[in-house]
Structures are given as structure tokens and as C-alpha cells.
Amino acid sequence: MFSVSMALVHNVFIRGLNSLHYNAPLIKPGDEISFVGYALVWVEAMHNQVRHGGNLAQHEAFLKEVNTFEKYMKEVFNGEKEYAGTKTRALIEAFGDILVQHLHDEIPTLSPERLSQYDKKELDAMADAHFAHVRDQPLAAAVMIVTHHDFNAVPTWPPMPSPVVWVIRNVVYWRHYSYWQFAPFTRYGEPQKYIV
């Protein structure tokens, strides 16, 4: 089950990456800061995921480019540079394929066969560490999960109590509501596209 959950988390990141890539050149005047805020939430969540991932050689291959993308997004967010969609897309393309390959390669490391080499105490410690890490994520990361997960395909994930999901959708969502227009799903799980 742990590997399935991790695959679903990785799908969230891949959907976010696809959304960033697709929308980057389409951003209308006035939506730049919202898009950049959305990108920075994705980057922060990605950094948090990578810190707890496995293949360090792959991390090195894409982290430099992710950091360059993040730096540019922060410069735009802070008003130091103007937003350019073609530049944004090129920065994403510099790390996108390697990152997606890394996310795919990581799943087999969590297969039941691989995890069977650990005893129950070790597995419980890993699961506890993972869930503690998830609980420590910023609230915007929770909204990212809700707006990047296909609830029609897997309605029982993420494993959160219904009241928590309600708070994410109906309270936390509104803090940065303009960011989520770029997400692939609405806060209720309906497919959406950015309106150009």
C-alpha cells in the first residue's frame, strides 16, 4: 500500500509539472503573480519530497535546474523580473524529463518485494517518519494534493479524515485561491483548464 500511495503522490507532482508546462506560455496579463505563486507551491512541495527520496544521482541531475526555475519564479514574484512564458517553459523543460524519470524509478524501490527485507519495526518507523513528514507540509501543499489528484480514479486517497478534506477544500483553499485556477482539478475534483 505504501508504494501505491507514493505513486499517487508522484502523480500529483507530474500533474503539477504538466500544468506548469502547458500553462506557462498562456498566462494572461494580471495572472502572472498567481501563476508564479502556484509554481512556487509546486517547487516547495517538490523540494520537500526530494529531500525524502532515494536516488541521489538523479536528484543532482535535476535539482540544479529546479533551483534555477525557482530562482526565476521568486524574482518574478518579488517584482525583480518580468514574467516570460517561453522562458518559463524552457526552464521547466531543462529538468522535466529527468524529474519524471526519477519519480517513475523511485516507485519500484517501495515495492512489497523490496520492503519485505525490513522487519515490522523498521517498516513502522519508516511509515511513521513518512506520515510525520506529510503532516509537517505547508497548508498550500495540502491544497495542491486535492487539486492535482483524480478522485474519480482513486476516491479513497489521500488517507485523510473527511473533515480535514472539507477544511482544505473550503477554508485553506481560499488563502491562495487564484493559484489553483492553473491546477488540473477543481477543489472538488472536477477536471479544469486555465481559461485564456
C-alpha atoms as a PDB file:
ATOM      1  CA  MET A   1       0.000   0.000   0.000  1.00  0.00           C
ATOM      2  CA  PHE A   2       2.919   2.348   0.712  1.00  0.00           C
ATOM      3  CA  SER A   3       4.123   2.066  -2.897  1.00  0.00           C
ATOM      4  CA  VAL A   4       0.610   2.810  -4.202  1.00  0.00           C
ATOM      5  CA  SER A   5       0.394   5.893  -2.007  1.00  0.00           C
ATOM      6  CA  MET A   6       3.825   7.039  -3.176  1.00  0.00           C
ATOM      7  CA  ALA A   7       2.801   6.519  -6.816  1.00  0.00           C
ATOM      8  CA  LEU A   8      -0.252   8.707  -6.200  1.00  0.00           C
ATOM      9  CA  VAL A   9       1.941  11.410  -4.631  1.00  0.00           C
ATOM     10  CA  HIS A  10       4.208  11.233  -7.663  1.00  0.00           C
ATOM     11  CA  ASN A  11       1.167  11.591  -9.928  1.00  0.00           C
ATOM     12  CA  VAL A  12       0.353  14.817  -8.080  1.00  0.00           C
ATOM     13  CA  PHE A  13       3.827  16.156  -8.881  1.00  0.00           C
ATOM     14  CA  ILE A  14       3.689  15.037 -12.509  1.00  0.00           C
ATOM     15  CA  ARG A  15       0.247  16.610 -12.977  1.00  0.00           C
ATOM     16  CA  GLY A  16       1.613  19.814 -11.474  1.00  0.00           C
ATOM     17  CA  LEU A  17       4.623  19.739 -13.772  1.00  0.00           C
ATOM     18  CA  ASN A  18       2.379  19.129 -16.783  1.00  0.00           C
ATOM     19  CA  SER A  19       0.129  22.001 -15.739  1.00  0.00           C
ATOM     20  CA  LEU A  20       3.093  24.350 -15.316  1.00  0.00           C
ATOM     21  CA  HIS A  21       4.492  23.373 -18.713  1.00  0.00           C
ATOM     22  CA  TYR A  22       1.149  23.615 -20.502  1.00  0.00           C
ATOM     23  CA  ASN A  23       0.066  26.918 -18.950  1.00  0.00           C
ATOM     24  CA  ALA A  24       3.418  28.761 -18.900  1.00  0.00           C
ATOM     25  CA  PRO A  25       3.058  30.454 -22.325  1.00  0.00           C
ATOM     26  CA  LEU A  26      -0.704  31.037 -21.922  1.00  0.00           C
ATOM     27  CA  ILE A  27      -0.648  33.305 -18.872  1.00  0.00           C
ATOM     28  CA  LYS A  28      -2.750  36.434 -19.316  1.00  0.00           C
ATOM     29  CA  PRO A  29      -1.606  39.846 -18.098  1.00  0.00           C
ATOM     30  CA  GLY A  30      -2.649  40.145 -14.473  1.00  0.00           C
ATOM     31  CA  ASP A  31      -2.346  36.404 -13.799  1.00  0.00           C
ATOM     32  CA  GLU A  32       1.451  36.261 -13.697  1.00  0.00           C
ATOM     33  CA  ILE A  33       1.824  36.501  -9.916  1.00  0.00           C
ATOM     34  CA  SER A  34      -0.884  33.890  -9.344  1.00  0.00           C
ATOM     35  CA  PHE A  35       0.816  31.511 -11.771  1.00  0.00           C
ATOM     36  CA  VAL A  36       4.207  32.142 -10.202  1.00  0.00           C
ATOM     37  CA  GLY A  37       2.722  31.558  -6.728  1.00  0.00           C
ATOM     38  CA  TYR A  38       1.285  28.275  -7.991  1.00  0.00           C
ATOM     39  CA  ALA A  39       4.708  27.346  -9.381  1.00  0.00           C
ATOM     40  CA  LEU A  40       6.413  28.174  -6.092  1.00  0.00           C
ATOM     41  CA  VAL A  41       3.986  25.973  -4.129  1.00  0.00           C
ATOM     42  CA  TRP A  42       4.825  23.132  -6.533  1.00  0.00           C
ATOM     43  CA  VAL A  43       8.574  23.772  -6.155  1.00  0.00           C
ATOM     44  CA  GLU A  44       8.393  23.836  -2.354  1.00  0.00           C
ATOM     45  CA  ALA A  45       6.416  20.604  -2.265  1.00  0.00           C
ATOM     46  CA  MET A  46       8.848  19.033  -4.745  1.00  0.00           C
ATOM     47  CA  HIS A  47      11.852  20.055  -2.657  1.00  0.00           C
ATOM     48  CA  ASN A  48      10.207  18.515   0.407  1.00  0.00           C
ATOM     49  CA  GLN A  49       9.539  15.284  -1.489  1.00  0.00           C
ATOM     50  CA  VAL A  50      13.052  15.085  -2.932  1.00  0.00           C
ATOM     51  CA  ARG A  51      14.644  15.550   0.492  1.00  0.00           C
ATOM     52  CA  HIS A  52      12.947  12.310   1.478  1.00  0.00           C
ATOM     53  CA  GLY A  53      13.517  10.408  -1.781  1.00  0.00           C
ATOM     54  CA  GLY A  54      16.165   7.921  -2.791  1.00  0.00           C
ATOM     55  CA  ASN A  55      18.300   8.203  -5.933  1.00  0.00           C
ATOM     56  CA  LEU A  56      20.803  10.949  -5.117  1.00  0.00           C
ATOM     57  CA  ALA A  57      22.485  10.863  -8.546  1.00  0.00           C
ATOM     58  CA  GLN A  58      19.146  11.621 -10.212  1.00  0.00           C
ATOM     59  CA  HIS A  59      18.478  14.345  -7.633  1.00  0.00           C
ATOM     60  CA  GLU A  60      21.701  16.062  -8.596  1.00  0.00           C
ATOM     61  CA  ALA A  61      20.778  15.795 -12.283  1.00  0.00           C
ATOM     62  CA  PHE A  62      17.594  17.840 -11.922  1.00  0.00           C
ATOM     63  CA  LEU A  63      17.913  19.864  -8.707  1.00  0.00           C
ATOM     64  CA  LYS A  64      20.218  22.499 -10.181  1.00  0.00           C
ATOM     65  CA  GLU A  65      17.676  23.199 -12.915  1.00  0.00           C
ATOM     66  CA  VAL A  66      14.745  23.147 -10.470  1.00  0.00           C
ATOM     67  CA  ASN A  67      16.651  25.680  -8.359  1.00  0.00           C
ATOM     68  CA  THR A  68      17.178  27.894 -11.429  1.00  0.00           C
ATOM     69  CA  PHE A  69      13.444  27.716 -12.152  1.00  0.00           C
ATOM     70  CA  GLU A  70      12.656  28.525  -8.518  1.00  0.00           C
ATOM     71  CA  LYS A  71      15.047  31.498  -8.525  1.00  0.00           C
ATOM     72  CA  TYR A  72      13.383  32.961 -11.615  1.00  0.00           C
ATOM     73  CA  MET A  73       9.893  32.395 -10.179  1.00  0.00           C
ATOM     74  CA  LYS A  74      10.906  34.194  -6.957  1.00  0.00           C
ATOM     75  CA  GLU A  75      12.382  37.086  -8.939  1.00  0.00           C
ATOM     76  CA  VAL A  76       9.108  37.465 -10.839  1.00  0.00           C
ATOM     77  CA  PHE A  77       7.051  37.094  -7.647  1.00  0.00           C
ATOM     78  CA  ASN A  78       9.131  39.805  -5.936  1.00  0.00           C
ATOM     79  CA  GLY A  79       8.863  42.164  -8.923  1.00  0.00           C
ATOM     80  CA  GLU A  80      12.553  41.951  -9.805  1.00  0.00           C
ATOM     81  CA  LYS A  81      11.936  40.461 -13.264  1.00  0.00           C
ATOM     82  CA  GLU A  82       9.074  40.356 -15.728  1.00  0.00           C
ATOM     83  CA  TYR A  83       7.296  37.098 -16.410  1.00  0.00           C
ATOM     84  CA  ALA A  84       8.083  35.442 -19.761  1.00  0.00           C
ATOM     85  CA  GLY A  85       6.126  32.336 -20.698  1.00  0.00           C
ATOM     86  CA  THR A  86       8.641  30.983 -23.206  1.00  0.00           C
ATOM     87  CA  LYS A  87      11.484  31.363 -20.702  1.00  0.00           C
ATOM     88  CA  THR A  88       9.386  29.658 -18.011  1.00  0.00           C
ATOM     89  CA  ARG A  89       8.610  26.742 -20.298  1.00  0.00           C
ATOM     90  CA  ALA A  90      12.286  26.393 -21.295  1.00  0.00           C
ATOM     91  CA  LEU A  91      13.312  26.320 -17.616  1.00  0.00           C
ATOM     92  CA  ILE A  92      10.750  23.567 -16.967  1.00  0.00           C
ATOM     93  CA  GLU A  93      11.965  21.581 -19.976  1.00  0.00           C
ATOM     94  CA  ALA A  94      15.516  21.708 -18.574  1.00  0.00           C
ATOM     95  CA  PHE A  95      14.511  19.436 -15.675  1.00  0.00           C
ATOM     96  CA  GLY A  96      11.113  17.946 -16.513  1.00  0.00           C
ATOM     97  CA  ASP A  97      12.097  14.707 -18.230  1.00  0.00           C
ATOM     98  CA  ILE A  98      14.782  13.822 -15.679  1.00  0.00           C
ATOM     99  CA  LEU A  99      12.423  14.573 -12.797  1.00  0.00           C
ATOM    100  CA  VAL A 100       9.616  12.438 -14.231  1.00  0.00           C
ATOM    101  CA  GLN A 101      12.054   9.569 -14.831  1.00  0.00           C
ATOM    102  CA  HIS A 102      13.245   9.900 -11.237  1.00  0.00           C
ATOM    103  CA  LEU A 103       9.667   9.755  -9.941  1.00  0.00           C
ATOM    104  CA  HIS A 104       8.969   6.641 -12.018  1.00  0.00           C
ATOM    105  CA  ASP A 105      12.219   4.966 -10.956  1.00  0.00           C
ATOM    106  CA  GLU A 106      11.515   5.578  -7.278  1.00  0.00           C
ATOM    107  CA  ILE A 107       8.295   3.520  -7.160  1.00  0.00           C
ATOM    108  CA  PRO A 108       9.908   0.049  -7.534  1.00  0.00           C
ATOM    109  CA  THR A 109      12.165   0.850  -4.574  1.00  0.00           C
ATOM    110  CA  LEU A 110       8.978   0.793  -2.489  1.00  0.00           C
ATOM    111  CA  SER A 111       7.570  -2.452  -3.873  1.00  0.00           C
ATOM    112  CA  PRO A 112       6.367  -5.124  -1.456  1.00  0.00           C
ATOM    113  CA  GLU A 113       9.302  -7.308  -2.540  1.00  0.00           C
ATOM    114  CA  ARG A 114      11.842  -4.612  -1.642  1.00  0.00           C
ATOM    115  CA  LEU A 115      10.078  -3.640   1.560  1.00  0.00           C
ATOM    116  CA  SER A 116       9.923  -7.287   2.682  1.00  0.00           C
ATOM    117  CA  GLN A 117      13.632  -7.101   3.503  1.00  0.00           C
ATOM    118  CA  TYR A 118      12.728  -4.946   6.519  1.00  0.00           C
ATOM    119  CA  ASP A 119      11.123  -6.217   9.712  1.00  0.00           C
ATOM    120  CA  LYS A 120       7.856  -4.770  11.027  1.00  0.00           C
ATOM    121  CA  LYS A 121       9.599  -2.421  13.457  1.00  0.00           C
ATOM    122  CA  GLU A 122      11.704  -0.898  10.655  1.00  0.00           C
ATOM    123  CA  LEU A 123       8.683  -0.564   8.358  1.00  0.00           C
ATOM    124  CA  ASP A 124       6.636   1.056  11.119  1.00  0.00           C
ATOM    125  CA  ALA A 125       9.461   3.534  11.743  1.00  0.00           C
ATOM    126  CA  MET A 126       9.624   4.368   8.011  1.00  0.00           C
ATOM    127  CA  ALA A 127       5.844   4.806   7.818  1.00  0.00           C
ATOM    128  CA  ASP A 128       5.818   6.970  10.955  1.00  0.00           C
ATOM    129  CA  ALA A 129       8.593   9.158   9.533  1.00  0.00           C
ATOM    130  CA  HIS A 130       6.740   9.451   6.224  1.00  0.00           C
ATOM    131  CA  PHE A 131       3.427  10.409   7.821  1.00  0.00           C
ATOM    132  CA  ALA A 132       5.151  12.883  10.171  1.00  0.00           C
ATOM    133  CA  HIS A 133       6.742  14.442   7.087  1.00  0.00           C
ATOM    134  CA  VAL A 134       3.332  14.669   5.387  1.00  0.00           C
ATOM    135  CA  ARG A 135       1.792  16.317   8.467  1.00  0.00           C
ATOM    136  CA  ASP A 136       4.580  18.924   8.509  1.00  0.00           C
ATOM    137  CA  GLN A 137       3.884  20.129   4.960  1.00  0.00           C
ATOM    138  CA  PRO A 138       2.643  23.699   4.449  1.00  0.00           C
ATOM    139  CA  LEU A 139      -1.121  24.042   4.067  1.00  0.00           C
ATOM    140  CA  ALA A 140      -0.746  25.051   0.420  1.00  0.00           C
ATOM    141  CA  ALA A 141       0.752  21.606  -0.257  1.00  0.00           C
ATOM    142  CA  ALA A 142      -2.483  20.051   1.018  1.00  0.00           C
ATOM    143  CA  VAL A 143      -4.463  22.139  -1.472  1.00  0.00           C
ATOM    144  CA  MET A 144      -2.030  21.061  -4.181  1.00  0.00           C
ATOM    145  CA  ILE A 145      -2.762  17.412  -3.396  1.00  0.00           C
ATOM    146  CA  VAL A 146      -6.530  17.970  -3.505  1.00  0.00           C
ATOM    147  CA  THR A 147      -6.369  19.924  -6.792  1.00  0.00           C
ATOM    148  CA  HIS A 148      -3.934  17.530  -8.507  1.00  0.00           C
ATOM    149  CA  HIS A 149      -5.437  14.170  -7.594  1.00  0.00           C
ATOM    150  CA  ASP A 150      -8.025  12.346  -9.703  1.00  0.00           C
ATOM    151  CA  PHE A 151     -10.685  11.460  -7.138  1.00  0.00           C
ATOM    152  CA  ASN A 152     -12.708   9.631  -9.792  1.00  0.00           C
ATOM    153  CA  ALA A 153      -9.862   7.145 -10.241  1.00  0.00           C
ATOM    154  CA  VAL A 154      -8.950   6.737  -6.539  1.00  0.00           C
ATOM    155  CA  PRO A 155     -11.643   8.253  -4.302  1.00  0.00           C
ATOM    156  CA  THR A 156     -10.130   6.912  -1.053  1.00  0.00           C
ATOM    157  CA  TRP A 157      -6.834   8.789  -1.373  1.00  0.00           C
ATOM    158  CA  PRO A 158      -5.323  10.785   0.230  1.00  0.00           C
ATOM    159  CA  PRO A 159      -5.938   8.957   3.511  1.00  0.00           C
ATOM    160  CA  MET A 160      -7.312  11.949   5.386  1.00  0.00           C
ATOM    161  CA  PRO A 161     -10.424  12.165   7.523  1.00  0.00           C
ATOM    162  CA  SER A 162     -13.360  13.758   5.703  1.00  0.00           C
ATOM    163  CA  PRO A 163     -13.397  16.819   7.984  1.00  0.00           C
ATOM    164  CA  VAL A 164      -9.759  17.527   7.091  1.00  0.00           C
ATOM    165  CA  VAL A 165     -10.509  17.314   3.360  1.00  0.00           C
ATOM    166  CA  TRP A 166     -13.516  19.610   3.931  1.00  0.00           C
ATOM    167  CA  VAL A 167     -11.293  22.203   5.663  1.00  0.00           C
ATOM    168  CA  ILE A 168      -8.724  22.016   2.847  1.00  0.00           C
ATOM    169  CA  ARG A 169     -11.391  22.497   0.177  1.00  0.00           C
ATOM    170  CA  ASN A 170     -13.490  25.118   1.940  1.00  0.00           C
ATOM    171  CA  VAL A 171     -11.091  27.068   4.154  1.00  0.00           C
ATOM    172  CA  VAL A 172      -7.406  26.580   3.292  1.00  0.00           C
ATOM    173  CA  TYR A 173      -8.107  26.722  -0.464  1.00  0.00           C
ATOM    174  CA  TRP A 174      -9.162  30.377  -0.247  1.00  0.00           C
ATOM    175  CA  ARG A 175      -5.843  31.653   1.115  1.00  0.00           C
ATOM    176  CA  HIS A 176      -4.306  31.408  -2.376  1.00  0.00           C
ATOM    177  CA  TYR A 177      -7.440  30.717  -4.420  1.00  0.00           C
ATOM    178  CA  SER A 178      -6.044  32.463  -7.508  1.00  0.00           C
ATOM    179  CA  TYR A 179      -3.189  29.928  -7.679  1.00  0.00           C
ATOM    180  CA  TRP A 180      -5.478  26.956  -8.137  1.00  0.00           C
ATOM    181  CA  GLN A 181      -7.012  28.121 -11.438  1.00  0.00           C
ATOM    182  CA  PHE A 182      -3.917  26.511 -13.035  1.00  0.00           C
ATOM    183  CA  ALA A 183      -4.413  23.144 -11.315  1.00  0.00           C
ATOM    184  CA  PRO A 184      -5.753  20.228 -13.354  1.00  0.00           C
ATOM    185  CA  PHE A 185      -8.724  19.716 -10.995  1.00  0.00           C
ATOM    186  CA  THR A 186     -11.035  21.980  -9.029  1.00  0.00           C
ATOM    187  CA  ARG A 187     -11.077  21.748  -5.263  1.00  0.00           C
ATOM    188  CA  TYR A 188     -13.902  19.219  -5.644  1.00  0.00           C
ATOM    189  CA  GLY A 189     -12.008  17.023  -8.096  1.00  0.00           C
ATOM    190  CA  GLU A 190     -13.613  18.108 -11.359  1.00  0.00           C
ATOM    191  CA  PRO A 191     -11.252  18.470 -14.341  1.00  0.00           C
ATOM    192  CA  GLN A 192     -10.498  22.079 -15.231  1.00  0.00           C
ATOM    193  CA  LYS A 193      -8.359  24.135 -17.596  1.00  0.00           C
ATOM    194  CA  TYR A 194      -6.990  27.620 -17.193  1.00  0.00           C
ATOM    195  CA  ILE A 195      -9.257  29.990 -19.114  1.00  0.00           C
ATOM    196  CA  VAL A 196      -7.245  32.035 -21.572  1.00  0.00           C
END
